[in-house]
Amino acid sequence: MINKIKDFLGFDIKEAKYKLSHDDTFGMISDANKPDKWVFSTCGYCGVGCGLYIGVKDGKAVSYKRKSKTWCKHGNTLSKRSL
């Protein structure tokens, strides 16, 4: 019960859940989304083929990062992403 009250009042910041660690490829990333490896792929949303790095952990995609700035969307990912 006390944990629910702390959560409701904002005293529980869930430090363990949102802990950050260093990733060799992209720097700081949350532990929950830190992949075992990064796989380069292209976005299949609109057919332009923007580059993405997909983080894979235990055979599942857990995160993604865009390739460095491209002319499409100025390096940002599209809003209707699948991950």
C-alpha atoms as a PDB file:
ATOM      1  CA  MET A   1       0.000   0.000   0.000  1.00  0.00           C
ATOM      2  CA  ILE A   2       2.817   2.406   0.866  1.00  0.00           C
ATOM      3  CA  ASN A   3       4.368   1.889  -2.578  1.00  0.00           C
ATOM      4  CA  LYS A   4       1.105   2.853  -4.281  1.00  0.00           C
ATOM      5  CA  ILE A   5       0.922   6.034  -2.196  1.00  0.00           C
ATOM      6  CA  LYS A   6       4.556   6.921  -3.018  1.00  0.00           C
ATOM      7  CA  ASP A   7       3.876   6.319  -6.694  1.00  0.00           C
ATOM      8  CA  PHE A   8       0.717   8.450  -6.633  1.00  0.00           C
ATOM      9  CA  LEU A   9       2.452  11.339  -4.870  1.00  0.00           C
ATOM     10  CA  GLY A  10       5.496  11.153  -7.143  1.00  0.00           C
ATOM     11  CA  PHE A  11       8.005  10.137  -4.470  1.00  0.00           C
ATOM     12  CA  ASP A  12       8.890   6.863  -6.166  1.00  0.00           C
ATOM     13  CA  ILE A  13      11.062   7.758  -9.160  1.00  0.00           C
ATOM     14  CA  LYS A  14      11.553   4.109 -10.198  1.00  0.00           C
ATOM     15  CA  GLU A  15      15.310   4.534 -10.383  1.00  0.00           C
ATOM     16  CA  ALA A  16      15.912   0.859 -11.099  1.00  0.00           C
ATOM     17  CA  LYS A  17      13.421   0.829 -13.984  1.00  0.00           C
ATOM     18  CA  TYR A  18      14.867   3.899 -15.731  1.00  0.00           C
ATOM     19  CA  LYS A  19      18.563   3.353 -15.004  1.00  0.00           C
ATOM     20  CA  LEU A  20      20.930   4.353 -17.822  1.00  0.00           C
ATOM     21  CA  SER A  21      24.069   2.600 -18.962  1.00  0.00           C
ATOM     22  CA  HIS A  22      26.691   3.224 -21.626  1.00  0.00           C
ATOM     23  CA  ASP A  23      26.296   1.671 -25.077  1.00  0.00           C
ATOM     24  CA  ASP A  24      29.418   1.548 -27.273  1.00  0.00           C
ATOM     25  CA  THR A  25      27.510   2.598 -30.402  1.00  0.00           C
ATOM     26  CA  PHE A  26      25.073   5.300 -29.205  1.00  0.00           C
ATOM     27  CA  GLY A  27      26.228   6.374 -25.737  1.00  0.00           C
ATOM     28  CA  MET A  28      23.751   6.472 -22.866  1.00  0.00           C
ATOM     29  CA  ILE A  29      20.668   4.257 -23.207  1.00  0.00           C
ATOM     30  CA  SER A  30      18.185   2.808 -20.728  1.00  0.00           C
ATOM     31  CA  ASP A  31      19.028  -0.614 -19.327  1.00  0.00           C
ATOM     32  CA  ALA A  32      15.602  -1.944 -20.304  1.00  0.00           C
ATOM     33  CA  ASN A  33      16.230  -1.098 -23.964  1.00  0.00           C
ATOM     34  CA  LYS A  34      19.948  -1.836 -24.159  1.00  0.00           C
ATOM     35  CA  PRO A  35      20.369  -4.336 -26.988  1.00  0.00           C
ATOM     36  CA  ASP A  36      22.861  -7.149 -27.395  1.00  0.00           C
ATOM     37  CA  LYS A  37      23.626  -5.921 -30.917  1.00  0.00           C
ATOM     38  CA  TRP A  38      22.620  -3.243 -33.436  1.00  0.00           C
ATOM     39  CA  VAL A  39      21.431  -4.287 -36.899  1.00  0.00           C
ATOM     40  CA  PHE A  40      21.344  -1.801 -39.782  1.00  0.00           C
ATOM     41  CA  SER A  41      18.122  -1.772 -41.776  1.00  0.00           C
ATOM     42  CA  THR A  42      15.957   0.585 -43.782  1.00  0.00           C
ATOM     43  CA  CYS A  43      12.600   2.009 -42.829  1.00  0.00           C
ATOM     44  CA  GLY A  44       9.825   0.336 -44.799  1.00  0.00           C
ATOM     45  CA  TYR A  45       7.157   2.936 -44.082  1.00  0.00           C
ATOM     46  CA  CYS A  46       7.185   5.145 -47.168  1.00  0.00           C
ATOM     47  CA  GLY A  47       9.643   3.558 -49.566  1.00  0.00           C
ATOM     48  CA  VAL A  48      12.321   6.261 -49.388  1.00  0.00           C
ATOM     49  CA  GLY A  49      14.614   3.896 -47.518  1.00  0.00           C
ATOM     50  CA  CYS A  50      15.868   5.965 -44.596  1.00  0.00           C
ATOM     51  CA  GLY A  51      18.497   4.133 -42.545  1.00  0.00           C
ATOM     52  CA  LEU A  52      17.728   2.741 -39.099  1.00  0.00           C
ATOM     53  CA  TYR A  53      19.722   0.845 -36.526  1.00  0.00           C
ATOM     54  CA  ILE A  54      17.517  -1.715 -34.793  1.00  0.00           C
ATOM     55  CA  GLY A  55      18.581  -2.865 -31.332  1.00  0.00           C
ATOM     56  CA  VAL A  56      18.117  -6.625 -30.911  1.00  0.00           C
ATOM     57  CA  LYS A  57      18.006  -8.382 -27.536  1.00  0.00           C
ATOM     58  CA  ASP A  58      17.111 -12.067 -27.160  1.00  0.00           C
ATOM     59  CA  GLY A  59      15.974 -12.162 -30.802  1.00  0.00           C
ATOM     60  CA  LYS A  60      13.489  -9.280 -30.429  1.00  0.00           C
ATOM     61  CA  ALA A  61      13.673  -5.638 -31.416  1.00  0.00           C
ATOM     62  CA  VAL A  62      13.908  -3.545 -28.229  1.00  0.00           C
ATOM     63  CA  SER A  63      14.922  -0.131 -29.575  1.00  0.00           C
ATOM     64  CA  TYR A  64      15.896   1.755 -32.661  1.00  0.00           C
ATOM     65  CA  LYS A  65      18.016   4.736 -33.587  1.00  0.00           C
ATOM     66  CA  ARG A  66      18.047   6.668 -36.793  1.00  0.00           C
ATOM     67  CA  LYS A  67      21.053   6.807 -39.034  1.00  0.00           C
ATOM     68  CA  SER A  68      22.831  10.153 -38.999  1.00  0.00           C
ATOM     69  CA  LYS A  69      20.949  12.945 -40.702  1.00  0.00           C
ATOM     70  CA  THR A  70      19.463  12.110 -44.054  1.00  0.00           C
ATOM     71  CA  TRP A  71      17.599  14.372 -46.415  1.00  0.00           C
ATOM     72  CA  CYS A  72      14.332  12.619 -45.566  1.00  0.00           C
ATOM     73  CA  LYS A  73      12.680  14.196 -42.494  1.00  0.00           C
ATOM     74  CA  HIS A  74      15.985  15.909 -41.644  1.00  0.00           C
ATOM     75  CA  GLY A  75      17.255  12.800 -39.869  1.00  0.00           C
ATOM     76  CA  ASN A  76      14.141  12.208 -37.761  1.00  0.00           C
ATOM     77  CA  THR A  77      12.033   9.071 -37.915  1.00  0.00           C
ATOM     78  CA  LEU A  78       8.514   9.173 -39.269  1.00  0.00           C
ATOM     79  CA  SER A  79       5.719   9.552 -36.749  1.00  0.00           C
ATOM     80  CA  LYS A  80       4.002   6.283 -37.738  1.00  0.00           C
ATOM     81  CA  ARG A  81       6.875   3.985 -36.869  1.00  0.00           C
ATOM     82  CA  SER A  82       6.363   0.321 -36.204  1.00  0.00           C
ATOM     83  CA  LEU A  83       8.691  -0.108 -33.207  1.00  0.00           C
END
